Amino acid sequence: SLQLYRDSSGIVRSAVSYPPSSGDNIELHSSPEHQKKQQSLERHVHALSKEQQAHLEKAVAYCFFATGMPLHLIELPAFQYLLSQLNAAFNIPTRYKISSKYMENVYEEVENDVYQKLEKDGQVVFAVDSWTNSCGE
């Protein structure tokens, strides 16, 4: 469900609860045909192998590290709902697992990639994109 509220500075914010419930104007199918199809699909959701689970965890970790998103987002119900919809068999890692198990590995991989590119090309070009916020800063 969607809720709107004003924060302490007067800005209108929204909050969404996930997964959507039956009262959220989402069409729910409950026909016998649909239930049979759903049961059939549920039987085809197989557990991930350890390698597949680790690969997906690393992909999630890389997404966080590459974008600078805060790790606490992994614990938000909306984010967990998104991941569960992408792969129902995926066991969503905690932020502690992401930071302790994958941070160093991903850092080393990116660092090695940068060094390899520097050795190959021998040149570096930096581009800076700046902007002014709404306060003119």
Protein backbone atom coordinates (compact mmCIF):
# COMPACT_ATOMS: atom_id res chain seq x y z
CA SER A 1 0.00 0.00 0.00
CA LEU A 2 1.13 3.55 -0.69
CA GLN A 3 1.22 6.10 2.09
CA LEU A 4 2.08 9.80 1.77
CA TYR A 5 3.39 11.88 4.67
CA ARG A 6 5.28 15.11 5.34
CA ASP A 7 8.69 14.87 6.95
CA SER A 8 10.00 17.38 9.51
CA SER A 9 11.07 19.81 6.77
CA GLY A 10 7.63 19.73 5.12
CA ILE A 11 8.64 17.62 2.11
CA VAL A 12 6.03 15.12 0.98
CA ARG A 13 7.45 11.60 1.12
CA SER A 14 5.99 8.25 0.20
CA ALA A 15 6.18 4.84 1.78
CA VAL A 16 5.26 1.63 0.05
CA SER A 17 4.71 -1.68 1.79
CA TYR A 18 5.68 -4.88 0.01
CA PRO A 19 4.61 -7.34 -1.08
CA PRO A 20 1.40 -5.80 -2.30
CA SER A 21 -1.66 -7.11 -0.49
CA SER A 22 -4.95 -8.17 -2.01
CA GLY A 23 -6.50 -4.81 -1.16
CA ASP A 24 -4.02 -2.85 -3.29
CA ASN A 25 -5.97 -2.76 -6.55
CA ILE A 26 -3.88 -5.54 -8.03
CA GLU A 27 -5.71 -8.15 -10.03
CA LEU A 28 -5.51 -11.46 -8.23
CA HIS A 29 -6.35 -14.68 -10.02
CA SER A 30 -8.04 -17.36 -7.99
CA SER A 31 -9.63 -19.45 -10.69
CA PRO A 32 -8.98 -23.21 -10.55
CA GLU A 33 -7.08 -22.97 -13.85
CA HIS A 34 -4.78 -20.29 -12.49
CA GLN A 35 -4.19 -22.22 -9.27
CA LYS A 36 -3.16 -25.31 -11.28
CA LYS A 37 -0.73 -23.21 -13.33
CA GLN A 38 0.68 -21.65 -10.16
CA GLN A 39 1.20 -25.05 -8.52
CA SER A 40 2.89 -26.27 -11.68
CA LEU A 41 5.25 -23.29 -11.66
CA GLU A 42 6.03 -23.73 -7.96
CA ARG A 43 7.17 -27.29 -8.62
CA HIS A 44 9.65 -25.93 -11.17
CA VAL A 45 11.41 -23.53 -8.80
CA HIS A 46 14.56 -25.43 -8.00
CA ALA A 47 17.00 -24.62 -5.25
CA LEU A 48 20.12 -22.87 -6.44
CA SER A 49 23.45 -24.62 -6.33
CA LYS A 50 26.06 -23.16 -3.99
CA GLU A 51 27.86 -21.72 -7.01
CA GLN A 52 24.69 -20.10 -8.37
CA GLN A 53 23.82 -18.66 -4.95
CA ALA A 54 27.34 -17.26 -4.55
CA HIS A 55 27.27 -15.82 -8.09
CA LEU A 56 24.00 -13.99 -7.38
CA GLU A 57 25.23 -12.75 -4.01
CA LYS A 58 28.36 -11.38 -5.66
CA ALA A 59 26.25 -9.70 -8.36
CA VAL A 60 24.12 -8.02 -5.68
CA ALA A 61 27.27 -6.96 -3.81
CA TYR A 62 28.80 -5.55 -6.98
CA CYS A 63 25.61 -3.57 -7.63
CA PHE A 64 25.87 -1.98 -4.18
CA PHE A 65 29.58 -1.25 -4.44
CA ALA A 66 29.47 0.09 -8.01
CA THR A 67 26.56 2.43 -7.37
CA GLY A 68 27.39 3.53 -3.85
CA MET A 69 24.00 2.45 -2.57
CA PRO A 70 23.92 2.02 1.20
CA LEU A 71 23.97 -1.61 2.28
CA HIS A 72 20.95 -1.26 4.54
CA LEU A 73 18.78 -1.18 1.38
CA ILE A 74 19.16 -4.97 1.15
CA GLU A 75 17.02 -5.20 4.29
CA LEU A 76 14.14 -3.09 2.97
CA PRO A 77 11.03 -5.15 2.25
CA ALA A 78 10.60 -3.52 -1.18
CA PHE A 79 14.14 -4.48 -2.24
CA GLN A 80 13.75 -8.00 -0.90
CA TYR A 81 10.45 -8.29 -2.75
CA LEU A 82 12.18 -7.25 -5.98
CA LEU A 83 14.92 -9.85 -5.56
CA SER A 84 12.42 -12.58 -4.68
CA GLN A 85 10.44 -11.80 -7.83
CA LEU A 86 13.58 -12.04 -9.96
CA ASN A 87 14.51 -15.44 -8.55
CA ALA A 88 12.33 -17.10 -5.94
CA ALA A 89 15.07 -19.57 -4.98
CA PHE A 90 17.62 -16.85 -4.17
CA ASN A 91 18.42 -16.57 -0.46
CA ILE A 92 18.89 -12.84 0.04
CA PRO A 93 22.15 -12.13 1.87
CA THR A 94 22.39 -9.76 4.82
CA ARG A 95 24.31 -6.51 4.56
CA TYR A 96 26.89 -7.99 6.91
CA LYS A 97 27.47 -10.93 4.59
CA ILE A 98 27.82 -8.61 1.60
CA SER A 99 30.32 -6.37 3.36
CA SER A 100 32.37 -9.09 5.02
CA LYS A 101 32.42 -11.77 2.32
CA TYR A 102 32.37 -9.80 -0.93
CA MET A 103 33.72 -6.30 -0.37
CA GLU A 104 37.39 -7.25 -0.36
CA ASN A 105 37.02 -9.66 -3.31
CA VAL A 106 35.16 -7.15 -5.48
CA TYR A 107 37.64 -4.42 -4.57
CA GLU A 108 40.58 -6.63 -5.56
CA GLU A 109 38.93 -7.57 -8.86
CA VAL A 110 38.26 -3.93 -9.76
CA GLU A 111 41.76 -2.94 -8.67
CA ASN A 112 43.33 -5.68 -10.83
CA ASP A 113 41.16 -4.66 -13.78
CA VAL A 114 42.28 -1.03 -13.44
CA TYR A 115 45.95 -2.04 -13.25
CA GLN A 116 45.61 -4.28 -16.32
CA LYS A 117 44.00 -1.48 -18.29
CA LEU A 118 46.71 0.95 -17.19
CA GLU A 119 49.44 -1.47 -18.24
CA LYS A 120 47.76 -2.00 -21.60
CA ASP A 121 46.90 1.61 -22.42
CA GLY A 122 49.42 3.49 -20.31
CA GLN A 123 47.22 6.59 -20.12
CA VAL A 124 44.54 7.82 -17.81
CA VAL A 125 41.87 10.40 -18.52
CA PHE A 126 39.71 11.78 -15.74
CA ALA A 127 36.35 13.36 -16.42
CA VAL A 128 34.56 15.34 -13.77
CA ASP A 129 30.88 16.09 -13.81
CA SER A 130 29.76 18.73 -11.37
CA TRP A 131 26.39 20.18 -10.59
CA THR A 132 24.74 22.75 -8.41
CA ASN A 133 22.09 21.68 -5.96
CA SER A 134 18.79 23.51 -5.41
CA CYS A 135 20.45 25.71 -2.76
CA GLY A 136 23.05 26.97 -5.26
CA GLU A 137 25.91 25.07 -3.64
